[in-house]
Each structure stands twice: as C-alpha cells, then as structure tokens.
Amino acid sequence: MAQQPGLLSSLRSRLRTAPPPPHHRLQPSRGYHVELGAREKALLEEDVALKRFKSYKNSVKQVSKIGNVLTLAVVLACSYEIAVLAVSTK
C-alpha cells in the first residue's frame, strides 16, 4: 500500500511532462503557392481520347430521377403487398 502514492505521483509527473508534438507535422508537405510540375500539368489537361466517355450533367440528373422513381415504385408495391397480406390473414 505504501507504493501506490509513489506510483500515482510518478504517473502524474509523466503526464505533466508529455513531449511536445513534432514540428514537422504542423507544416504542410508542400507550400501553398508552389507551381505545378510537368507531370501534374499533363494529368490536368483534357484528354481527347476520354472525351466520348465524359458524363454529361443533364443526362446524369435524368438517370438519377428515373432511378428514384423506380425505387419509390418498388417500395410502394412492396408496402401494398404487405398490407394486402396482413388484411387477408385476419
């Protein structure tokens, strides 16, 4: 029982004297206004070969709306079937 106060005080002193976080993590790996390299510029350029695969915003919205309507229709049909089954078993 005499060792516990020493253990607690050493634990408290260790917690009080925690080492500061490393300084290199506070700085970003790259500066804010650094010019892009040649490879990065080439990757950001528009590729003519991929242009035909580009999705267009309006068609994506239309497909999304159709999907939402179909999902709603399936949910309503399932709910109707469950309700009919519940009423017919009573």
PDB file of N, CA and C in Angstrom:
ATOM      1  N   MET A   1       0.810  -1.195   0.000  1.00  0.00           N
ATOM      2  CA  MET A   1       0.000   0.000   0.000  1.00  0.00           C
ATOM      3  C   MET A   1       0.856   1.263   0.000  1.00  0.00           C
ATOM      4  N   ALA A   2       2.090   1.181   0.468  1.00  0.00           N
ATOM      5  CA  ALA A   2       2.957   2.348   0.528  1.00  0.00           C
ATOM      6  C   ALA A   2       3.476   2.733  -0.853  1.00  0.00           C
ATOM      7  N   GLN A   3       3.425   1.826  -1.814  1.00  0.00           N
ATOM      8  CA  GLN A   3       3.953   2.121  -3.139  1.00  0.00           C
ATOM      9  C   GLN A   3       2.951   2.876  -4.009  1.00  0.00           C
ATOM     10  N   GLN A   4       1.682   2.829  -3.734  1.00  0.00           N
ATOM     11  CA  GLN A   4       0.682   3.475  -4.575  1.00  0.00           C
ATOM     12  C   GLN A   4       0.846   4.989  -4.655  1.00  0.00           C
ATOM     13  N   PRO A   5       1.089   5.726  -3.573  1.00  0.00           N
ATOM     14  CA  PRO A   5       1.275   7.167  -3.731  1.00  0.00           C
ATOM     15  C   PRO A   5       2.468   7.489  -4.626  1.00  0.00           C
ATOM     16  N   GLY A   6       3.513   6.711  -4.547  1.00  0.00           N
ATOM     17  CA  GLY A   6       4.669   6.942  -5.417  1.00  0.00           C
ATOM     18  C   GLY A   6       4.338   6.658  -6.872  1.00  0.00           C
ATOM     19  N   LEU A   7       3.560   5.616  -7.097  1.00  0.00           N
ATOM     20  CA  LEU A   7       3.159   5.257  -8.457  1.00  0.00           C
ATOM     21  C   LEU A   7       2.262   6.332  -9.047  1.00  0.00           C
ATOM     22  N   LEU A   8       1.310   6.813  -8.260  1.00  0.00           N
ATOM     23  CA  LEU A   8       0.408   7.855  -8.750  1.00  0.00           C
ATOM     24  C   LEU A   8       1.144   9.161  -9.004  1.00  0.00           C
ATOM     25  N   SER A   9       2.075   9.517  -8.138  1.00  0.00           N
ATOM     26  CA  SER A   9       2.805  10.774  -8.341  1.00  0.00           C
ATOM     27  C   SER A   9       3.723  10.679  -9.554  1.00  0.00           C
ATOM     28  N   SER A  10       4.321   9.517  -9.793  1.00  0.00           N
ATOM     29  CA  SER A  10       5.180   9.395 -10.973  1.00  0.00           C
ATOM     30  C   SER A  10       4.340   9.416 -12.246  1.00  0.00           C
ATOM     31  N   LEU A  11       3.138   8.842 -12.186  1.00  0.00           N
ATOM     32  CA  LEU A  11       2.251   8.876 -13.338  1.00  0.00           C
ATOM     33  C   LEU A  11       1.808  10.309 -13.630  1.00  0.00           C
ATOM     34  N   ARG A  12       1.484  11.057 -12.574  1.00  0.00           N
ATOM     35  CA  ARG A  12       1.096  12.461 -12.753  1.00  0.00           C
ATOM     36  C   ARG A  12       2.231  13.280 -13.342  1.00  0.00           C
ATOM     37  N   SER A  13       3.452  13.053 -12.873  1.00  0.00           N
ATOM     38  CA  SER A  13       4.579  13.831 -13.383  1.00  0.00           C
ATOM     39  C   SER A  13       4.858  13.479 -14.843  1.00  0.00           C
ATOM     40  N   ARG A  14       4.661  12.219 -15.211  1.00  0.00           N
ATOM     41  CA  ARG A  14       4.850  11.838 -16.618  1.00  0.00           C
ATOM     42  C   ARG A  14       3.796  12.489 -17.508  1.00  0.00           C
ATOM     43  N   LEU A  15       2.554  12.564 -17.030  1.00  0.00           N
ATOM     44  CA  LEU A  15       1.508  13.185 -17.819  1.00  0.00           C
ATOM     45  C   LEU A  15       1.727  14.688 -17.955  1.00  0.00           C
ATOM     46  N   ARG A  16       2.269  15.312 -16.918  1.00  0.00           N
ATOM     47  CA  ARG A  16       2.535  16.755 -16.979  1.00  0.00           C
ATOM     48  C   ARG A  16       3.682  17.082 -17.910  1.00  0.00           C
ATOM     49  N   THR A  17       4.648  16.215 -18.007  1.00  0.00           N
ATOM     50  CA  THR A  17       5.826  16.494 -18.833  1.00  0.00           C
ATOM     51  C   THR A  17       5.778  15.697 -20.137  1.00  0.00           C
ATOM     52  N   ALA A  18       4.615  15.689 -20.791  1.00  0.00           N
ATOM     53  CA  ALA A  18       4.482  14.990 -22.068  1.00  0.00           C
ATOM     54  C   ALA A  18       5.304  15.726 -23.117  1.00  0.00           C
ATOM     55  N   PRO A  19       5.971  14.999 -23.996  1.00  0.00           N
ATOM     56  CA  PRO A  19       6.789  15.657 -25.011  1.00  0.00           C
ATOM     57  C   PRO A  19       5.920  16.432 -25.993  1.00  0.00           C
ATOM     58  N   PRO A  20       6.405  17.555 -26.498  1.00  0.00           N
ATOM     59  CA  PRO A  20       5.619  18.338 -27.456  1.00  0.00           C
ATOM     60  C   PRO A  20       5.504  17.574 -28.774  1.00  0.00           C
ATOM     61  N   PRO A  21       4.430  17.822 -29.527  1.00  0.00           N
ATOM     62  CA  PRO A  21       4.273  17.126 -30.808  1.00  0.00           C
ATOM     63  C   PRO A  21       5.386  17.538 -31.774  1.00  0.00           C
ATOM     64  N   PRO A  22       5.755  16.671 -32.688  1.00  0.00           N
ATOM     65  CA  PRO A  22       6.810  17.016 -33.631  1.00  0.00           C
ATOM     66  C   PRO A  22       6.407  18.198 -34.503  1.00  0.00           C
ATOM     67  N   HIS A  23       7.365  19.054 -34.784  1.00  0.00           N
ATOM     68  CA  HIS A  23       7.109  20.295 -35.515  1.00  0.00           C
ATOM     69  C   HIS A  23       6.836  20.042 -36.998  1.00  0.00           C
ATOM     70  N   HIS A  24       7.446  19.004 -37.558  1.00  0.00           N
ATOM     71  CA  HIS A  24       7.309  18.774 -38.988  1.00  0.00           C
ATOM     72  C   HIS A  24       5.885  18.397 -39.393  1.00  0.00           C
ATOM     73  N   ARG A  25       5.063  17.921 -38.482  1.00  0.00           N
ATOM     74  CA  ARG A  25       3.690  17.571 -38.821  1.00  0.00           C
ATOM     75  C   ARG A  25       2.803  18.811 -38.936  1.00  0.00           C
ATOM     76  N   LEU A  26       3.224  19.914 -38.356  1.00  0.00           N
ATOM     77  CA  LEU A  26       2.420  21.126 -38.403  1.00  0.00           C
ATOM     78  C   LEU A  26       2.519  21.818 -39.754  1.00  0.00           C
ATOM     79  N   GLN A  27       3.601  21.590 -40.476  1.00  0.00           N
ATOM     80  CA  GLN A  27       3.795  22.240 -41.754  1.00  0.00           C
ATOM     81  C   GLN A  27       3.304  21.329 -42.874  1.00  0.00           C
ATOM     82  N   PRO A  28       2.647  21.894 -43.873  1.00  0.00           N
ATOM     83  CA  PRO A  28       2.216  21.068 -45.000  1.00  0.00           C
ATOM     84  C   PRO A  28       3.426  20.558 -45.774  1.00  0.00           C
ATOM     85  N   SER A  29       3.250  19.434 -46.438  1.00  0.00           N
ATOM     86  CA  SER A  29       4.366  18.857 -47.173  1.00  0.00           C
ATOM     87  C   SER A  29       4.726  19.700 -48.392  1.00  0.00           C
ATOM     88  N   ARG A  30       3.801  20.538 -48.823  1.00  0.00           N
ATOM     89  CA  ARG A  30       4.050  21.375 -49.984  1.00  0.00           C
ATOM     90  C   ARG A  30       3.553  22.785 -49.675  1.00  0.00           C
ATOM     91  N   GLY A  31       4.241  23.773 -50.145  1.00  0.00           N
ATOM     92  CA  GLY A  31       3.845  25.148 -49.893  1.00  0.00           C
ATOM     93  C   GLY A  31       2.527  25.476 -50.563  1.00  0.00           C
ATOM     94  N   TYR A  32       1.937  26.590 -50.210  1.00  0.00           N
ATOM     95  CA  TYR A  32       0.633  26.947 -50.756  1.00  0.00           C
ATOM     96  C   TYR A  32       0.719  27.444 -52.191  1.00  0.00           C
ATOM     97  N   HIS A  33       1.741  28.172 -52.537  1.00  0.00           N
ATOM     98  CA  HIS A  33       1.836  28.782 -53.872  1.00  0.00           C
ATOM     99  C   HIS A  33       2.988  28.183 -54.654  1.00  0.00           C
ATOM    100  N   VAL A  34       3.006  26.882 -54.736  1.00  0.00           N
ATOM    101  CA  VAL A  34       4.064  26.213 -55.484  1.00  0.00           C
ATOM    102  C   VAL A  34       3.527  25.883 -56.865  1.00  0.00           C
ATOM    103  N   GLU A  35       4.311  26.151 -57.878  1.00  0.00           N
ATOM    104  CA  GLU A  35       3.921  25.875 -59.257  1.00  0.00           C
ATOM    105  C   GLU A  35       3.820  24.375 -59.483  1.00  0.00           C
ATOM    106  N   LEU A  36       2.830  23.949 -60.261  1.00  0.00           N
ATOM    107  CA  LEU A  36       2.654  22.535 -60.560  1.00  0.00           C
ATOM    108  C   LEU A  36       3.793  22.036 -61.435  1.00  0.00           C
ATOM    109  N   GLY A  37       4.129  20.771 -61.270  1.00  0.00           N
ATOM    110  CA  GLY A  37       5.167  20.162 -62.086  1.00  0.00           C
ATOM    111  C   GLY A  37       4.633  19.767 -63.455  1.00  0.00           C
ATOM    112  N   ALA A  38       5.517  19.296 -64.327  1.00  0.00           N
ATOM    113  CA  ALA A  38       5.135  18.934 -65.693  1.00  0.00           C
ATOM    114  C   ALA A  38       4.154  17.756 -65.687  1.00  0.00           C
ATOM    115  N   ARG A  39       4.395  16.773 -64.829  1.00  0.00           N
ATOM    116  CA  ARG A  39       3.501  15.607 -64.773  1.00  0.00           C
ATOM    117  C   ARG A  39       2.109  16.001 -64.289  1.00  0.00           C
ATOM    118  N   GLU A  40       2.042  16.863 -63.279  1.00  0.00           N
ATOM    119  CA  GLU A  40       0.747  17.300 -62.763  1.00  0.00           C
ATOM    120  C   GLU A  40      -0.020  18.097 -63.812  1.00  0.00           C
ATOM    121  N   LYS A  41       0.692  18.945 -64.550  1.00  0.00           N
ATOM    122  CA  LYS A  41       0.037  19.717 -65.612  1.00  0.00           C
ATOM    123  C   LYS A  41      -0.488  18.791 -66.698  1.00  0.00           C
ATOM    124  N   ALA A  42       0.297  17.766 -67.051  1.00  0.00           N
ATOM    125  CA  ALA A  42      -0.136  16.820 -68.085  1.00  0.00           C
ATOM    126  C   ALA A  42      -1.363  16.041 -67.626  1.00  0.00           C
ATOM    127  N   LEU A  43      -1.435  15.701 -66.344  1.00  0.00           N
ATOM    128  CA  LEU A  43      -2.587  14.960 -65.831  1.00  0.00           C
ATOM    129  C   LEU A  43      -3.844  15.823 -65.798  1.00  0.00           C
ATOM    130  N   LEU A  44      -3.687  17.115 -65.644  1.00  0.00           N
ATOM    131  CA  LEU A  44      -4.843  18.009 -65.570  1.00  0.00           C
ATOM    132  C   LEU A  44      -5.359  18.443 -66.935  1.00  0.00           C
ATOM    133  N   GLU A  45      -4.587  18.199 -67.989  1.00  0.00           N
ATOM    134  CA  GLU A  45      -5.020  18.585 -69.332  1.00  0.00           C
ATOM    135  C   GLU A  45      -6.166  17.689 -69.790  1.00  0.00           C
ATOM    136  N   GLU A  46      -7.011  18.217 -70.682  1.00  0.00           N
ATOM    137  CA  GLU A  46      -8.131  17.448 -71.202  1.00  0.00           C
ATOM    138  C   GLU A  46      -7.607  16.403 -72.190  1.00  0.00           C
ATOM    139  N   ASP A  47      -8.086  15.176 -72.050  1.00  0.00           N
ATOM    140  CA  ASP A  47      -7.658  14.083 -72.908  1.00  0.00           C
ATOM    141  C   ASP A  47      -8.732  13.849 -73.968  1.00  0.00           C
ATOM    142  N   VAL A  48      -8.347  13.956 -75.240  1.00  0.00           N
ATOM    143  CA  VAL A  48      -9.297  13.824 -76.338  1.00  0.00           C
ATOM    144  C   VAL A  48      -9.845  12.397 -76.412  1.00  0.00           C
ATOM    145  N   ALA A  49      -9.016  11.405 -76.096  1.00  0.00           N
ATOM    146  CA  ALA A  49      -9.443  10.005 -76.171  1.00  0.00           C
ATOM    147  C   ALA A  49     -10.534   9.690 -75.151  1.00  0.00           C
ATOM    148  N   LEU A  50     -10.556  10.401 -74.044  1.00  0.00           N
ATOM    149  CA  LEU A  50     -11.546  10.136 -72.995  1.00  0.00           C
ATOM    150  C   LEU A  50     -12.793  11.005 -73.108  1.00  0.00           C
ATOM    151  N   LYS A  51     -12.809  11.917 -74.074  1.00  0.00           N
ATOM    152  CA  LYS A  51     -13.900  12.866 -74.178  1.00  0.00           C
ATOM    153  C   LYS A  51     -15.244  12.176 -74.438  1.00  0.00           C
ATOM    154  N   ARG A  52     -15.255  11.076 -75.201  1.00  0.00           N
ATOM    155  CA  ARG A  52     -16.529  10.417 -75.503  1.00  0.00           C
ATOM    156  C   ARG A  52     -17.103   9.692 -74.280  1.00  0.00           C
ATOM    157  N   PHE A  53     -16.281   9.443 -73.260  1.00  0.00           N
ATOM    158  CA  PHE A  53     -16.758   8.780 -72.048  1.00  0.00           C
ATOM    159  C   PHE A  53     -17.191   9.768 -70.976  1.00  0.00           C
ATOM    160  N   LYS A  54     -17.081  11.041 -71.273  1.00  0.00           N
ATOM    161  CA  LYS A  54     -17.423  12.070 -70.299  1.00  0.00           C
ATOM    162  C   LYS A  54     -18.923  12.053 -70.026  1.00  0.00           C
ATOM    163  N   SER A  55     -19.288  12.036 -68.753  1.00  0.00           N
ATOM    164  CA  SER A  55     -20.706  12.042 -68.418  1.00  0.00           C
ATOM    165  C   SER A  55     -21.206  13.486 -68.422  1.00  0.00           C
ATOM    166  N   TYR A  56     -22.368  13.669 -68.937  1.00  0.00           N
ATOM    167  CA  TYR A  56     -22.940  14.999 -69.011  1.00  0.00           C
ATOM    168  C   TYR A  56     -23.913  15.188 -67.866  1.00  0.00           C
ATOM    169  N   LYS A  57     -23.911  16.368 -67.323  1.00  0.00           N
ATOM    170  CA  LYS A  57     -24.646  16.657 -66.101  1.00  0.00           C
ATOM    171  C   LYS A  57     -26.151  16.409 -66.252  1.00  0.00           C
ATOM    172  N   ASN A  58     -26.731  16.845 -67.359  1.00  0.00           N
ATOM    173  CA  ASN A  58     -28.180  16.704 -67.525  1.00  0.00           C
ATOM    174  C   ASN A  58     -28.593  15.243 -67.644  1.00  0.00           C
ATOM    175  N   SER A  59     -27.819  14.450 -68.374  1.00  0.00           N
ATOM    176  CA  SER A  59     -28.187  13.046 -68.526  1.00  0.00           C
ATOM    177  C   SER A  59     -28.013  12.298 -67.204  1.00  0.00           C
ATOM    178  N   VAL A  60     -27.032  12.676 -66.426  1.00  0.00           N
ATOM    179  CA  VAL A  60     -26.833  12.047 -65.121  1.00  0.00           C
ATOM    180  C   VAL A  60     -27.997  12.389 -64.195  1.00  0.00           C
ATOM    181  N   LYS A  61     -28.453  13.619 -64.225  1.00  0.00           N
ATOM    182  CA  LYS A  61     -29.607  14.011 -63.405  1.00  0.00           C
ATOM    183  C   LYS A  61     -30.860  13.251 -63.822  1.00  0.00           C
ATOM    184  N   GLN A  62     -31.044  13.079 -65.145  1.00  0.00           N
ATOM    185  CA  GLN A  62     -32.225  12.381 -65.633  1.00  0.00           C
ATOM    186  C   GLN A  62     -32.210  10.912 -65.206  1.00  0.00           C
ATOM    187  N   VAL A  63     -31.068  10.275 -65.320  1.00  0.00           N
ATOM    188  CA  VAL A  63     -30.949   8.874 -64.902  1.00  0.00           C
ATOM    189  C   VAL A  63     -31.176   8.760 -63.401  1.00  0.00           C
ATOM    190  N   SER A  64     -30.688   9.715 -62.639  1.00  0.00           N
ATOM    191  CA  SER A  64     -30.884   9.710 -61.195  1.00  0.00           C
ATOM    192  C   SER A  64     -32.363   9.842 -60.841  1.00  0.00           C
ATOM    193  N   LYS A  65     -33.083  10.713 -61.550  1.00  0.00           N
ATOM    194  CA  LYS A  65     -34.513  10.878 -61.297  1.00  0.00           C
ATOM    195  C   LYS A  65     -35.280   9.609 -61.637  1.00  0.00           C
ATOM    196  N   ILE A  66     -34.924   8.971 -62.752  1.00  0.00           N
ATOM    197  CA  ILE A  66     -35.586   7.720 -63.143  1.00  0.00           C
ATOM    198  C   ILE A  66     -35.344   6.650 -62.080  1.00  0.00           C
ATOM    199  N   GLY A  67     -34.120   6.573 -61.582  1.00  0.00           N
ATOM    200  CA  GLY A  67     -33.800   5.615 -60.525  1.00  0.00           C
ATOM    201  C   GLY A  67     -34.589   5.875 -59.262  1.00  0.00           C
ATOM    202  N   ASN A  68     -34.739   7.146 -58.900  1.00  0.00           N
ATOM    203  CA  ASN A  68     -35.518   7.492 -57.708  1.00  0.00           C
ATOM    204  C   ASN A  68     -36.990   7.101 -57.871  1.00  0.00           C
ATOM    205  N   VAL A  69     -37.554   7.333 -59.060  1.00  0.00           N
ATOM    206  CA  VAL A  69     -38.954   6.988 -59.313  1.00  0.00           C
ATOM    207  C   VAL A  69     -39.136   5.472 -59.255  1.00  0.00           C
ATOM    208  N   LEU A  70     -38.216   4.725 -59.861  1.00  0.00           N
ATOM    209  CA  LEU A  70     -38.317   3.265 -59.830  1.00  0.00           C
ATOM    210  C   LEU A  70     -38.186   2.722 -58.404  1.00  0.00           C
ATOM    211  N   THR A  71     -37.294   3.298 -57.628  1.00  0.00           N
ATOM    212  CA  THR A  71     -37.141   2.874 -56.237  1.00  0.00           C
ATOM    213  C   THR A  71     -38.422   3.137 -55.455  1.00  0.00           C
ATOM    214  N   LEU A  72     -39.019   4.288 -55.653  1.00  0.00           N
ATOM    215  CA  LEU A  72     -40.271   4.620 -54.973  1.00  0.00           C
ATOM    216  C   LEU A  72     -41.383   3.659 -55.386  1.00  0.00           C
ATOM    217  N   ALA A  73     -41.434   3.322 -56.678  1.00  0.00           N
ATOM    218  CA  ALA A  73     -42.463   2.402 -57.158  1.00  0.00           C
ATOM    219  C   ALA A  73     -42.300   1.019 -56.516  1.00  0.00           C
ATOM    220  N   VAL A  74     -41.080   0.542 -56.396  1.00  0.00           N
ATOM    221  CA  VAL A  74     -40.834  -0.767 -55.784  1.00  0.00           C
ATOM    222  C   VAL A  74     -41.217  -0.747 -54.307  1.00  0.00           C
ATOM    223  N   VAL A  75     -40.865   0.316 -53.603  1.00  0.00           N
ATOM    224  CA  VAL A  75     -41.203   0.425 -52.181  1.00  0.00           C
ATOM    225  C   VAL A  75     -42.719   0.464 -51.992  1.00  0.00           C
ATOM    226  N   LEU A  76     -43.413   1.213 -52.822  1.00  0.00           N
ATOM    227  CA  LEU A  76     -44.873   1.280 -52.719  1.00  0.00           C
ATOM    228  C   LEU A  76     -45.514  -0.069 -53.031  1.00  0.00           C
ATOM    229  N   ALA A  77     -45.012  -0.767 -54.041  1.00  0.00           N
ATOM    230  CA  ALA A  77     -45.563  -2.077 -54.395  1.00  0.00           C
ATOM    231  C   ALA A  77     -45.348  -3.085 -53.263  1.00  0.00           C
ATOM    232  N   CYS A  78     -44.172  -3.068 -52.669  1.00  0.00           N
ATOM    233  CA  CYS A  78     -43.902  -3.978 -51.548  1.00  0.00           C
ATOM    234  C   CYS A  78     -44.793  -3.650 -50.354  1.00  0.00           C
ATOM    235  N   SER A  79     -44.965  -2.372 -50.072  1.00  0.00           N
ATOM    236  CA  SER A  79     -45.828  -1.966 -48.961  1.00  0.00           C
ATOM    237  C   SER A  79     -47.269  -2.395 -49.209  1.00  0.00           C
ATOM    238  N   TYR A  80     -47.729  -2.241 -50.449  1.00  0.00           N
ATOM    239  CA  TYR A  80     -49.086  -2.651 -50.804  1.00  0.00           C
ATOM    240  C   TYR A  80     -49.244  -4.161 -50.627  1.00  0.00           C
ATOM    241  N   GLU A  81     -48.289  -4.933 -51.085  1.00  0.00           N
ATOM    242  CA  GLU A  81     -48.355  -6.396 -50.953  1.00  0.00           C
ATOM    243  C   GLU A  81     -48.374  -6.818 -49.482  1.00  0.00           C
ATOM    244  N   ILE A  82     -47.562  -6.158 -48.662  1.00  0.00           N
ATOM    245  CA  ILE A  82     -47.540  -6.474 -47.230  1.00  0.00           C
ATOM    246  C   ILE A  82     -48.874  -6.130 -46.588  1.00  0.00           C
ATOM    247  N   ALA A  83     -49.450  -4.987 -46.958  1.00  0.00           N
ATOM    248  CA  ALA A  83     -50.737  -4.579 -46.403  1.00  0.00           C
ATOM    249  C   ALA A  83     -51.842  -5.560 -46.831  1.00  0.00           C
ATOM    250  N   VAL A  84     -51.854  -5.979 -48.097  1.00  0.00           N
ATOM    251  CA  VAL A  84     -52.870  -6.925 -48.595  1.00  0.00           C
ATOM    252  C   VAL A  84     -52.713  -8.256 -47.859  1.00  0.00           C
ATOM    253  N   LEU A  85     -51.488  -8.698 -47.678  1.00  0.00           N
ATOM    254  CA  LEU A  85     -51.248  -9.962 -46.979  1.00  0.00           C
ATOM    255  C   LEU A  85     -51.694  -9.892 -45.519  1.00  0.00           C
ATOM    256  N   ALA A  86     -51.444  -8.748 -44.877  1.00  0.00           N
ATOM    257  CA  ALA A  86     -51.844  -8.590 -43.477  1.00  0.00           C
ATOM    258  C   ALA A  86     -53.367  -8.565 -43.351  1.00  0.00           C
ATOM    259  N   VAL A  87     -54.074  -7.931 -44.266  1.00  0.00           N
ATOM    260  CA  VAL A  87     -55.525  -7.841 -44.203  1.00  0.00           C
ATOM    261  C   VAL A  87     -56.153  -9.200 -44.516  1.00  0.00           C
ATOM    262  N   SER A  88     -55.578  -9.934 -45.461  1.00  0.00           N
ATOM    263  CA  SER A  88     -56.170 -11.212 -45.869  1.00  0.00           C
ATOM    264  C   SER A  88     -55.952 -12.306 -44.806  1.00  0.00           C
ATOM    265  N   THR A  89     -54.940 -12.202 -43.979  1.00  0.00           N
ATOM    266  CA  THR A  89     -54.712 -13.220 -42.944  1.00  0.00           C
ATOM    267  C   THR A  89     -55.576 -13.000 -41.712  1.00  0.00           C
ATOM    268  N   LYS A  90     -56.174 -11.817 -41.560  1.00  0.00           N
ATOM    269  CA  LYS A  90     -57.033 -11.537 -40.393  1.00  0.00           C
ATOM    270  C   LYS A  90     -58.333 -12.142 -40.549  1.00  0.00           C
TER     271      LYS A  90
END
